[in-house]
Amino acid sequence: MANQLQFSRATKDQLKTLSKGNQQKVQLISTIVHRPKIVFLDEPFSGLDPVNQEKVISFLQLLRQQSTTIIPAPNKCL
């Protein structure tokens, strides 16, 4: 998972020292590490540059192909 999101170099850093984009990647990885059937994502692209947004989209598409239901929740959803 970390390799697909190109995150392996920062895995030993403390979370608070990471950029917002890398913090988002850590949260995504920790959410799906146990392969849940349903994933709720709150603003999954917040803090990501366009290149990393595409990587996350590709990764989420891969999860969908593996029968994971992904439900994005935009900020003004509630």
Protein backbone atom coordinates (compact mmCIF):
# COMPACT_ATOMS: atom_id res chain seq x y z
CA MET A 1 0.00 0.00 0.00
CA ALA A 2 2.66 2.49 1.00
CA ASN A 3 4.64 1.68 -2.11
CA GLN A 4 1.64 2.26 -4.38
CA LEU A 5 1.20 5.72 -2.86
CA GLN A 6 4.98 6.33 -2.98
CA PHE A 7 5.16 6.79 0.74
CA SER A 8 7.87 4.36 1.87
CA ARG A 9 10.57 7.03 2.50
CA ALA A 10 8.55 8.86 5.13
CA THR A 11 7.19 5.88 7.07
CA LYS A 12 9.69 6.32 9.91
CA ASP A 13 8.93 10.02 10.45
CA GLN A 14 6.61 11.15 13.21
CA LEU A 15 3.20 12.00 11.86
CA LYS A 16 3.29 15.59 13.12
CA THR A 17 6.48 16.27 11.14
CA LEU A 18 4.96 15.16 7.82
CA SER A 19 3.38 17.44 5.25
CA LYS A 20 -0.41 17.54 5.14
CA GLY A 21 -0.36 15.46 1.97
CA ASN A 22 1.77 12.75 3.58
CA GLN A 23 -0.45 12.84 6.66
CA GLN A 24 -3.40 12.16 4.33
CA LYS A 25 -1.53 9.17 2.87
CA VAL A 26 -0.86 7.78 6.37
CA GLN A 27 -4.53 8.12 7.26
CA LEU A 28 -5.58 6.38 4.03
CA ILE A 29 -3.12 3.53 4.57
CA SER A 30 -4.17 3.07 8.20
CA THR A 31 -7.81 3.04 7.12
CA ILE A 32 -7.44 0.28 4.56
CA VAL A 33 -4.62 -1.83 6.03
CA HIS A 34 -7.15 -4.35 7.40
CA ARG A 35 -8.98 -4.55 4.06
CA PRO A 36 -12.42 -3.38 5.19
CA LYS A 37 -15.40 -3.99 2.94
CA ILE A 38 -16.60 -0.37 3.32
CA VAL A 39 -14.40 2.72 3.64
CA PHE A 40 -15.69 6.20 4.49
CA LEU A 41 -13.24 8.90 3.43
CA ASP A 42 -13.55 12.45 4.74
CA GLU A 43 -12.02 14.84 2.18
CA PRO A 44 -9.53 12.27 0.84
CA PHE A 45 -7.80 14.77 -1.46
CA SER A 46 -7.31 17.60 1.05
CA GLY A 47 -3.66 18.63 1.12
CA LEU A 48 -2.68 16.57 -1.93
CA ASP A 49 -1.13 18.07 -5.03
CA PRO A 50 -2.60 17.03 -8.41
CA VAL A 51 0.00 14.28 -8.95
CA ASN A 52 -0.75 12.66 -5.60
CA GLN A 53 -4.49 13.10 -6.13
CA GLU A 54 -4.15 10.96 -9.25
CA LYS A 55 -2.16 8.34 -7.32
CA VAL A 56 -4.85 8.18 -4.64
CA ILE A 57 -7.59 7.96 -7.28
CA SER A 58 -5.76 5.06 -8.97
CA PHE A 59 -5.31 3.36 -5.62
CA LEU A 60 -8.99 3.79 -4.73
CA GLN A 61 -9.97 2.36 -8.12
CA LEU A 62 -7.81 -0.67 -7.37
CA LEU A 63 -9.60 -1.09 -4.03
CA ARG A 64 -12.97 -0.89 -5.80
CA GLN A 65 -11.85 -3.65 -8.17
CA GLN A 66 -11.17 -5.73 -5.07
CA SER A 67 -14.80 -5.26 -3.96
CA THR A 68 -14.19 -2.48 -1.43
CA THR A 69 -17.02 0.03 -1.23
CA ILE A 70 -15.67 3.57 -1.00
CA ILE A 71 -17.86 6.38 0.25
CA PRO A 72 -16.30 9.85 0.04
CA ALA A 73 -17.66 12.46 2.43
CA PRO A 74 -17.15 16.06 1.34
CA ASN A 75 -16.71 18.69 4.05
CA LYS A 76 -20.19 20.18 3.71
CA CYS A 77 -21.94 16.83 3.66
CA LEU A 78 -23.48 17.05 7.14
